[in-house]
Every structure is written in structure tokens, then in C-alpha cells.
C-alpha atoms as a PDB file:
ATOM      1  CA  UNK A   1      15.701  -4.560 -10.144  1.00  0.00           C
ATOM      2  CA  UNK A   2      11.945  -4.094 -10.277  1.00  0.00           C
ATOM      3  CA  UNK A   3      10.312  -0.731 -10.062  1.00  0.00           C
ATOM      4  CA  UNK A   4       6.956   0.315  -8.690  1.00  0.00           C
ATOM      5  CA  UNK A   5       4.506   1.666 -11.257  1.00  0.00           C
ATOM      6  CA  UNK A   6       1.332   1.906  -9.166  1.00  0.00           C
ATOM      7  CA  UNK A   7       0.445   2.107  -5.529  1.00  0.00           C
ATOM      8  CA  UNK A   8      -3.062   1.775  -4.169  1.00  0.00           C
ATOM      9  CA  UNK A   9      -4.710   2.589  -0.885  1.00  0.00           C
ATOM     10  CA  UNK A  10      -8.049   3.695   0.463  1.00  0.00           C
ATOM     11  CA  UNK A  11      -9.469   7.197   0.797  1.00  0.00           C
ATOM     12  CA  UNK A  12      -7.808   7.626   4.189  1.00  0.00           C
ATOM     13  CA  UNK A  13      -4.537   8.242   2.331  1.00  0.00           C
ATOM     14  CA  UNK A  14      -5.982  10.958   0.059  1.00  0.00           C
ATOM     15  CA  UNK A  15      -3.344  13.586   0.763  1.00  0.00           C
ATOM     16  CA  UNK A  16      -1.696  15.969  -1.681  1.00  0.00           C
ATOM     17  CA  UNK A  17       1.744  15.426  -0.103  1.00  0.00           C
ATOM     18  CA  UNK A  18       1.499  11.689  -0.727  1.00  0.00           C
ATOM     19  CA  UNK A  19       0.290  12.253  -4.299  1.00  0.00           C
ATOM     20  CA  UNK A  20       3.127  14.721  -5.040  1.00  0.00           C
ATOM     21  CA  UNK A  21       5.731  12.349  -3.603  1.00  0.00           C
ATOM     22  CA  UNK A  22       4.403   9.479  -5.709  1.00  0.00           C
ATOM     23  CA  UNK A  23       4.435  11.595  -8.874  1.00  0.00           C
ATOM     24  CA  UNK A  24       8.016  12.738  -8.163  1.00  0.00           C
ATOM     25  CA  UNK A  25       9.064   9.082  -8.182  1.00  0.00           C
ATOM     26  CA  UNK A  26       6.978   8.359 -11.303  1.00  0.00           C
ATOM     27  CA  UNK A  27       4.512   6.204  -9.365  1.00  0.00           C
ATOM     28  CA  UNK A  28       0.836   6.423 -10.219  1.00  0.00           C
ATOM     29  CA  UNK A  29      -1.158   6.618  -6.988  1.00  0.00           C
ATOM     30  CA  UNK A  30      -4.360   4.602  -7.140  1.00  0.00           C
ATOM     31  CA  UNK A  31      -5.964   6.363  -4.200  1.00  0.00           C
ATOM     32  CA  UNK A  32      -9.606   7.301  -4.406  1.00  0.00           C
ATOM     33  CA  UNK A  33     -10.311  10.961  -3.777  1.00  0.00           C
ATOM     34  CA  UNK A  34     -12.602  11.968  -0.965  1.00  0.00           C
ATOM     35  CA  UNK A  35     -15.658  13.106  -2.881  1.00  0.00           C
ATOM     36  CA  UNK A  36     -16.240  16.695  -1.789  1.00  0.00           C
ATOM     37  CA  UNK A  37     -16.808  17.993  -5.328  1.00  0.00           C
ATOM     38  CA  UNK A  38     -18.083  16.684  -8.641  1.00  0.00           C
ATOM     39  CA  UNK A  39     -14.538  16.979 -10.025  1.00  0.00           C
ATOM     40  CA  UNK A  40     -13.255  14.509  -7.423  1.00  0.00           C
ATOM     41  CA  UNK A  41     -16.118  12.140  -8.262  1.00  0.00           C
ATOM     42  CA  UNK A  42     -15.043  12.313 -11.913  1.00  0.00           C
ATOM     43  CA  UNK A  43     -11.431  11.568 -10.954  1.00  0.00           C
ATOM     44  CA  UNK A  44     -12.601   8.493  -9.023  1.00  0.00           C
ATOM     45  CA  UNK A  45     -14.580   7.313 -12.036  1.00  0.00           C
ATOM     46  CA  UNK A  46     -11.374   7.386 -14.115  1.00  0.00           C
ATOM     47  CA  UNK A  47      -9.475   5.017 -11.791  1.00  0.00           C
ATOM     48  CA  UNK A  48      -8.673   1.635 -13.287  1.00  0.00           C
ATOM     49  CA  UNK A  49     -11.114  -0.645 -11.447  1.00  0.00           C
ATOM     50  CA  UNK A  50      -9.041  -3.779 -12.102  1.00  0.00           C
ATOM     51  CA  UNK A  51      -5.873  -2.290 -10.630  1.00  0.00           C
ATOM     52  CA  UNK A  52      -7.693  -0.691  -7.699  1.00  0.00           C
ATOM     53  CA  UNK A  53      -9.437  -4.008  -7.029  1.00  0.00           C
ATOM     54  CA  UNK A  54      -6.053  -5.650  -6.374  1.00  0.00           C
ATOM     55  CA  UNK A  55      -5.806  -3.572  -3.190  1.00  0.00           C
ATOM     56  CA  UNK A  56      -7.809  -6.197  -1.320  1.00  0.00           C
ATOM     57  CA  UNK A  57      -4.974  -8.716  -1.785  1.00  0.00           C
ATOM     58  CA  UNK A  58      -2.464  -6.480  -0.028  1.00  0.00           C
ATOM     59  CA  UNK A  59      -5.004  -5.733   2.722  1.00  0.00           C
ATOM     60  CA  UNK A  60      -5.404  -9.493   3.265  1.00  0.00           C
ATOM     61  CA  UNK A  61      -1.644 -10.040   3.483  1.00  0.00           C
ATOM     62  CA  UNK A  62      -1.236  -7.096   5.880  1.00  0.00           C
ATOM     63  CA  UNK A  63      -4.015  -8.459   8.081  1.00  0.00           C
ATOM     64  CA  UNK A  64      -2.476 -11.941   8.091  1.00  0.00           C
ATOM     65  CA  UNK A  65       0.980 -10.630   8.991  1.00  0.00           C
ATOM     66  CA  UNK A  66      -0.442  -8.496  11.804  1.00  0.00           C
ATOM     67  CA  UNK A  67      -2.312 -11.461  13.286  1.00  0.00           C
ATOM     68  CA  UNK A  68       0.707 -13.782  13.069  1.00  0.00           C
ATOM     69  CA  UNK A  69       3.539 -11.460  14.078  1.00  0.00           C
ATOM     70  CA  UNK A  70       1.866  -8.535  15.837  1.00  0.00           C
ATOM     71  CA  UNK A  71       0.769  -5.095  14.692  1.00  0.00           C
ATOM     72  CA  UNK A  72       3.965  -3.263  15.581  1.00  0.00           C
ATOM     73  CA  UNK A  73       7.708  -3.390  15.004  1.00  0.00           C
ATOM     74  CA  UNK A  74      10.167  -3.458  17.855  1.00  0.00           C
ATOM     75  CA  UNK A  75      12.989  -1.567  16.168  1.00  0.00           C
ATOM     76  CA  UNK A  76      13.319   2.195  16.351  1.00  0.00           C
ATOM     77  CA  UNK A  77      15.491   2.932  13.343  1.00  0.00           C
ATOM     78  CA  UNK A  78      13.807   2.854   9.936  1.00  0.00           C
ATOM     79  CA  UNK A  79      16.307   0.464   8.326  1.00  0.00           C
ATOM     80  CA  UNK A  80      15.914  -1.971  11.200  1.00  0.00           C
ATOM     81  CA  UNK A  81      12.116  -1.665  10.916  1.00  0.00           C
ATOM     82  CA  UNK A  82      12.415  -2.424   7.206  1.00  0.00           C
ATOM     83  CA  UNK A  83      14.637  -5.410   7.947  1.00  0.00           C
ATOM     84  CA  UNK A  84      12.201  -6.657  10.597  1.00  0.00           C
ATOM     85  CA  UNK A  85       9.245  -6.426   8.189  1.00  0.00           C
ATOM     86  CA  UNK A  86      11.235  -8.071   5.394  1.00  0.00           C
ATOM     87  CA  UNK A  87      12.147 -11.000   7.633  1.00  0.00           C
ATOM     88  CA  UNK A  88       8.500 -11.379   8.704  1.00  0.00           C
ATOM     89  CA  UNK A  89       7.460 -11.509   5.039  1.00  0.00           C
ATOM     90  CA  UNK A  90      10.182 -14.041   4.231  1.00  0.00           C
ATOM     91  CA  UNK A  91       9.162 -16.269   7.137  1.00  0.00           C
ATOM     92  CA  UNK A  92       5.522 -16.011   6.067  1.00  0.00           C
ATOM     93  CA  UNK A  93       6.407 -17.020   2.500  1.00  0.00           C
ATOM     94  CA  UNK A  94       8.522 -19.965   3.674  1.00  0.00           C
ATOM     95  CA  UNK A  95       5.709 -21.166   5.957  1.00  0.00           C
ATOM     96  CA  UNK A  96       3.215 -20.939   3.079  1.00  0.00           C
ATOM     97  CA  UNK A  97       5.485 -22.963   0.789  1.00  0.00           C
ATOM     98  CA  UNK A  98       5.807 -25.848   3.287  1.00  0.00           C
END
């Protein structure tokens, strides 16, 4: 089983609750801080630029999936939503391999 070591997102997800949750699960959040102070600017300067730069790949995949399959899920329960998204990803990968 693989584990998640890093997660990245844009400044819109700069929230202490999200950061605490990630740290509890031993995941390093690669989320730029909103730069209200010089300390936050320094924290942003310490982010690994190569890892943070990989965020664009996930943004591209998310955009592609939204265009192909719609921007919403039909299911109401979280496990069915997860299953629906997993199936969409599987179908996308099969279509790309053909």
C-alpha cells in the first residue's frame, strides 16, 4: 500500500485546520501561505519549488476530468462519491491507453 508524503494546492487552501490535519497524518502540506507578514513570505521561500511545481499536473488532470465527465458527482454518500470519482479516473486511464 502506498502512502501520501506530500500534498500541494494553491493559496486558496491556506487554512490552519487543513495544515493540522495533514500534519496529524504525517503529510507535508505544500500549500503556499497567504503573504500577510514577512514570516509567511519566508515560509513560502522555503517550499520545495520542484515539488510545488508538480501541482500543475494535477490541475491539468482535474480540468480534463471535469470537461469530460462533468464538474460534479451524482452520489450523496461520501463512499459512493469516492467510487464514482475512482471509476471516472479508471475510465480516463483506459481511454488514454487505447
